Amino acid sequence: MHHCGVLKLTELIPSEQHIQLNEGFSVVSVQMHLLGKYNDSIIDEHIRYTRVWSISSAGSLQIVAGHASVIKSCIISD
């Protein structure tokens, strides 16, 4: 999507980063505010990305699992 120009991000603003270190793997979660365009539609979304990192047999870091979810605002009234 980036390479062919369908997705054009103008800003990526990270927040709420959490890193959980474990023996042999780590879980990283970060909330990102994305601004830009997708197929000429405006993007202004908050997304939570989660990645599980592990050390490969060659000794380099690799992503073994990943997930992304749009975070929707909830309005609670009394």
N, C-alpha and C. Protein backbone atom coordinates (compact mmCIF):
# COMPACT_ATOMS: atom_id res chain seq x y z
N MET A 1 0.82 -1.19 0.00
CA MET A 1 0.00 0.00 0.00
C MET A 1 0.87 1.26 0.00
N HIS A 2 1.98 1.22 0.77
CA HIS A 2 2.87 2.39 0.79
C HIS A 2 3.54 2.56 -0.57
N HIS A 3 4.08 1.46 -1.09
CA HIS A 3 4.88 1.50 -2.32
C HIS A 3 4.07 2.00 -3.52
N CYS A 4 2.84 1.55 -3.67
CA CYS A 4 2.03 1.94 -4.83
C CYS A 4 1.31 3.27 -4.61
N GLY A 5 1.42 3.87 -3.43
CA GLY A 5 0.85 5.18 -3.18
C GLY A 5 -0.59 5.20 -2.73
N VAL A 6 -1.18 4.04 -2.47
CA VAL A 6 -2.57 3.99 -1.99
C VAL A 6 -2.66 4.58 -0.59
N LEU A 7 -1.65 4.29 0.25
CA LEU A 7 -1.60 4.79 1.62
C LEU A 7 -0.51 5.84 1.71
N LYS A 8 -0.91 7.05 2.10
CA LYS A 8 0.04 8.16 2.24
C LYS A 8 -0.12 8.74 3.64
N LEU A 9 0.81 8.42 4.53
CA LEU A 9 0.75 8.92 5.90
C LEU A 9 1.58 10.20 6.00
N THR A 10 1.01 11.21 6.65
CA THR A 10 1.71 12.48 6.85
C THR A 10 2.26 12.60 8.27
N GLU A 11 1.62 11.92 9.22
CA GLU A 11 2.10 11.93 10.61
C GLU A 11 1.80 10.61 11.29
N LEU A 12 2.76 10.17 12.10
CA LEU A 12 2.61 9.00 12.98
C LEU A 12 3.03 9.47 14.37
N ILE A 13 2.09 9.53 15.29
CA ILE A 13 2.36 10.06 16.62
C ILE A 13 2.19 8.92 17.63
N PRO A 14 3.31 8.41 18.19
CA PRO A 14 3.21 7.30 19.14
C PRO A 14 2.85 7.77 20.55
N SER A 15 2.17 6.90 21.29
CA SER A 15 1.88 7.14 22.71
C SER A 15 1.63 5.80 23.39
N GLU A 16 1.58 5.79 24.70
CA GLU A 16 1.24 4.60 25.49
C GLU A 16 2.01 3.36 25.07
N GLN A 17 3.31 3.46 25.05
CA GLN A 17 4.13 2.30 24.70
C GLN A 17 4.33 1.40 25.93
N HIS A 18 4.14 0.09 25.71
CA HIS A 18 4.34 -0.91 26.76
C HIS A 18 5.25 -2.00 26.21
N ILE A 19 6.28 -2.35 26.97
CA ILE A 19 7.20 -3.42 26.57
C ILE A 19 7.26 -4.43 27.71
N GLN A 20 6.96 -5.69 27.38
CA GLN A 20 7.02 -6.77 28.37
C GLN A 20 8.13 -7.73 27.93
N LEU A 21 9.21 -7.78 28.70
CA LEU A 21 10.34 -8.65 28.39
C LEU A 21 10.15 -10.01 29.04
N ASN A 22 10.35 -11.05 28.27
CA ASN A 22 10.24 -12.42 28.76
C ASN A 22 11.47 -13.19 28.27
N GLU A 23 11.69 -14.36 28.81
CA GLU A 23 12.82 -15.17 28.37
C GLU A 23 12.54 -15.69 26.96
N GLY A 24 13.31 -15.23 26.00
CA GLY A 24 13.20 -15.69 24.62
C GLY A 24 12.26 -14.91 23.73
N PHE A 25 11.44 -14.04 24.31
CA PHE A 25 10.53 -13.22 23.50
C PHE A 25 10.12 -11.96 24.26
N SER A 26 9.61 -10.99 23.53
CA SER A 26 9.09 -9.75 24.12
C SER A 26 7.79 -9.38 23.43
N VAL A 27 6.91 -8.72 24.18
CA VAL A 27 5.65 -8.22 23.65
C VAL A 27 5.71 -6.69 23.70
N VAL A 28 5.49 -6.06 22.55
CA VAL A 28 5.54 -4.61 22.46
C VAL A 28 4.18 -4.12 21.98
N SER A 29 3.62 -3.15 22.69
CA SER A 29 2.33 -2.58 22.34
C SER A 29 2.47 -1.06 22.34
N VAL A 30 1.97 -0.42 21.30
CA VAL A 30 2.03 1.04 21.21
C VAL A 30 0.76 1.56 20.55
N GLN A 31 0.27 2.68 21.06
CA GLN A 31 -0.85 3.36 20.42
C GLN A 31 -0.28 4.41 19.47
N MET A 32 -0.80 4.46 18.25
CA MET A 32 -0.33 5.42 17.26
C MET A 32 -1.51 6.25 16.76
N HIS A 33 -1.29 7.53 16.59
CA HIS A 33 -2.26 8.41 15.95
C HIS A 33 -1.78 8.57 14.52
N LEU A 34 -2.56 8.07 13.55
CA LEU A 34 -2.21 8.12 12.14
C LEU A 34 -2.98 9.23 11.44
N LEU A 35 -2.25 10.04 10.68
CA LEU A 35 -2.86 11.09 9.87
C LEU A 35 -2.37 10.93 8.45
N GLY A 36 -3.26 11.05 7.47
CA GLY A 36 -2.87 10.94 6.08
C GLY A 36 -4.06 10.64 5.20
N LYS A 37 -3.79 9.88 4.11
CA LYS A 37 -4.85 9.52 3.17
C LYS A 37 -4.73 8.06 2.77
N TYR A 38 -5.88 7.43 2.53
CA TYR A 38 -5.98 6.08 1.98
C TYR A 38 -6.97 6.15 0.84
N ASN A 39 -6.51 5.89 -0.39
CA ASN A 39 -7.37 6.03 -1.59
C ASN A 39 -8.09 7.38 -1.60
N ASP A 40 -7.37 8.44 -1.29
CA ASP A 40 -7.90 9.81 -1.27
C ASP A 40 -8.93 10.08 -0.18
N SER A 41 -9.12 9.14 0.76
CA SER A 41 -9.97 9.37 1.93
C SER A 41 -9.07 9.76 3.09
N ILE A 42 -9.49 10.75 3.86
CA ILE A 42 -8.71 11.24 4.98
C ILE A 42 -8.63 10.19 6.08
N ILE A 43 -7.42 10.01 6.62
CA ILE A 43 -7.20 9.12 7.77
C ILE A 43 -6.88 9.99 8.98
N ASP A 44 -7.60 9.79 10.06
CA ASP A 44 -7.33 10.42 11.35
C ASP A 44 -7.78 9.40 12.39
N GLU A 45 -6.93 8.41 12.62
CA GLU A 45 -7.29 7.26 13.45
C GLU A 45 -6.26 7.02 14.55
N HIS A 46 -6.75 6.47 15.65
CA HIS A 46 -5.89 5.98 16.73
C HIS A 46 -5.89 4.46 16.62
N ILE A 47 -4.69 3.88 16.52
CA ILE A 47 -4.56 2.44 16.32
C ILE A 47 -3.61 1.88 17.37
N ARG A 48 -3.97 0.73 17.91
CA ARG A 48 -3.10 0.01 18.86
C ARG A 48 -2.40 -1.10 18.08
N TYR A 49 -1.08 -1.07 18.06
CA TYR A 49 -0.27 -2.11 17.42
C TYR A 49 0.35 -2.98 18.50
N THR A 50 0.30 -4.29 18.33
CA THR A 50 0.95 -5.22 19.25
C THR A 50 1.81 -6.16 18.42
N ARG A 51 3.06 -6.34 18.83
CA ARG A 51 3.99 -7.22 18.14
C ARG A 51 4.66 -8.13 19.16
N VAL A 52 4.85 -9.39 18.78
CA VAL A 52 5.62 -10.33 19.59
C VAL A 52 6.94 -10.54 18.86
N TRP A 53 8.03 -10.23 19.53
CA TRP A 53 9.38 -10.34 18.98
C TRP A 53 10.08 -11.54 19.60
N SER A 54 10.87 -12.25 18.79
CA SER A 54 11.64 -13.40 19.26
C SER A 54 13.02 -13.36 18.60
N ILE A 55 13.93 -14.11 19.15
CA ILE A 55 15.26 -14.23 18.55
C ILE A 55 15.25 -15.45 17.65
N SER A 56 15.61 -15.25 16.37
CA SER A 56 15.61 -16.34 15.40
C SER A 56 16.78 -17.29 15.67
N SER A 57 16.79 -18.41 14.99
CA SER A 57 17.90 -19.37 15.13
C SER A 57 19.22 -18.76 14.66
N ALA A 58 19.14 -17.74 13.79
CA ALA A 58 20.36 -17.05 13.31
C ALA A 58 20.80 -15.96 14.29
N GLY A 59 19.99 -15.71 15.33
CA GLY A 59 20.36 -14.74 16.35
C GLY A 59 19.82 -13.33 16.13
N SER A 60 19.02 -13.11 15.09
CA SER A 60 18.45 -11.79 14.85
C SER A 60 17.03 -11.72 15.41
N LEU A 61 16.56 -10.49 15.64
CA LEU A 61 15.19 -10.30 16.11
C LEU A 61 14.23 -10.46 14.95
N GLN A 62 13.09 -11.07 15.23
CA GLN A 62 12.06 -11.22 14.21
C GLN A 62 10.69 -11.11 14.85
N ILE A 63 9.73 -10.62 14.07
CA ILE A 63 8.34 -10.56 14.53
C ILE A 63 7.71 -11.92 14.28
N VAL A 64 7.15 -12.52 15.33
CA VAL A 64 6.52 -13.84 15.19
C VAL A 64 4.99 -13.74 15.24
N ALA A 65 4.47 -12.59 15.69
CA ALA A 65 3.02 -12.37 15.70
C ALA A 65 2.78 -10.87 15.76
N GLY A 66 1.66 -10.45 15.18
CA GLY A 66 1.32 -9.03 15.20
C GLY A 66 -0.17 -8.82 15.09
N HIS A 67 -0.60 -7.66 15.57
CA HIS A 67 -2.01 -7.33 15.55
C HIS A 67 -2.14 -5.80 15.55
N ALA A 68 -3.17 -5.31 14.88
CA ALA A 68 -3.49 -3.88 14.91
C ALA A 68 -5.00 -3.72 15.01
N SER A 69 -5.43 -2.80 15.86
CA SER A 69 -6.86 -2.53 16.04
C SER A 69 -7.10 -1.04 16.10
N VAL A 70 -8.18 -0.58 15.46
CA VAL A 70 -8.59 0.81 15.55
C VAL A 70 -9.20 1.02 16.94
N ILE A 71 -8.84 2.11 17.58
CA ILE A 71 -9.37 2.45 18.90
C ILE A 71 -10.47 3.48 18.71
N LYS A 72 -11.67 3.11 19.08
CA LYS A 72 -12.82 4.01 18.96
C LYS A 72 -13.06 4.69 20.30
N SER A 73 -13.43 5.95 20.26
CA SER A 73 -13.74 6.70 21.48
C SER A 73 -15.10 6.29 22.00
N CYS A 74 -15.20 6.22 23.30
CA CYS A 74 -16.49 5.95 23.95
C CYS A 74 -16.88 7.19 24.75
N ILE A 75 -18.10 7.62 24.57
CA ILE A 75 -18.60 8.74 25.34
C ILE A 75 -19.58 8.19 26.37
N ILE A 76 -19.25 8.44 27.63
CA ILE A 76 -20.09 7.95 28.71
C ILE A 76 -20.78 9.15 29.34
N SER A 77 -22.09 9.10 29.42
CA SER A 77 -22.82 10.21 30.03
C SER A 77 -23.60 9.69 31.23
N ASP A 78 -23.85 10.59 32.15
CA ASP A 78 -24.60 10.23 33.35
C ASP A 78 -26.08 10.30 33.10
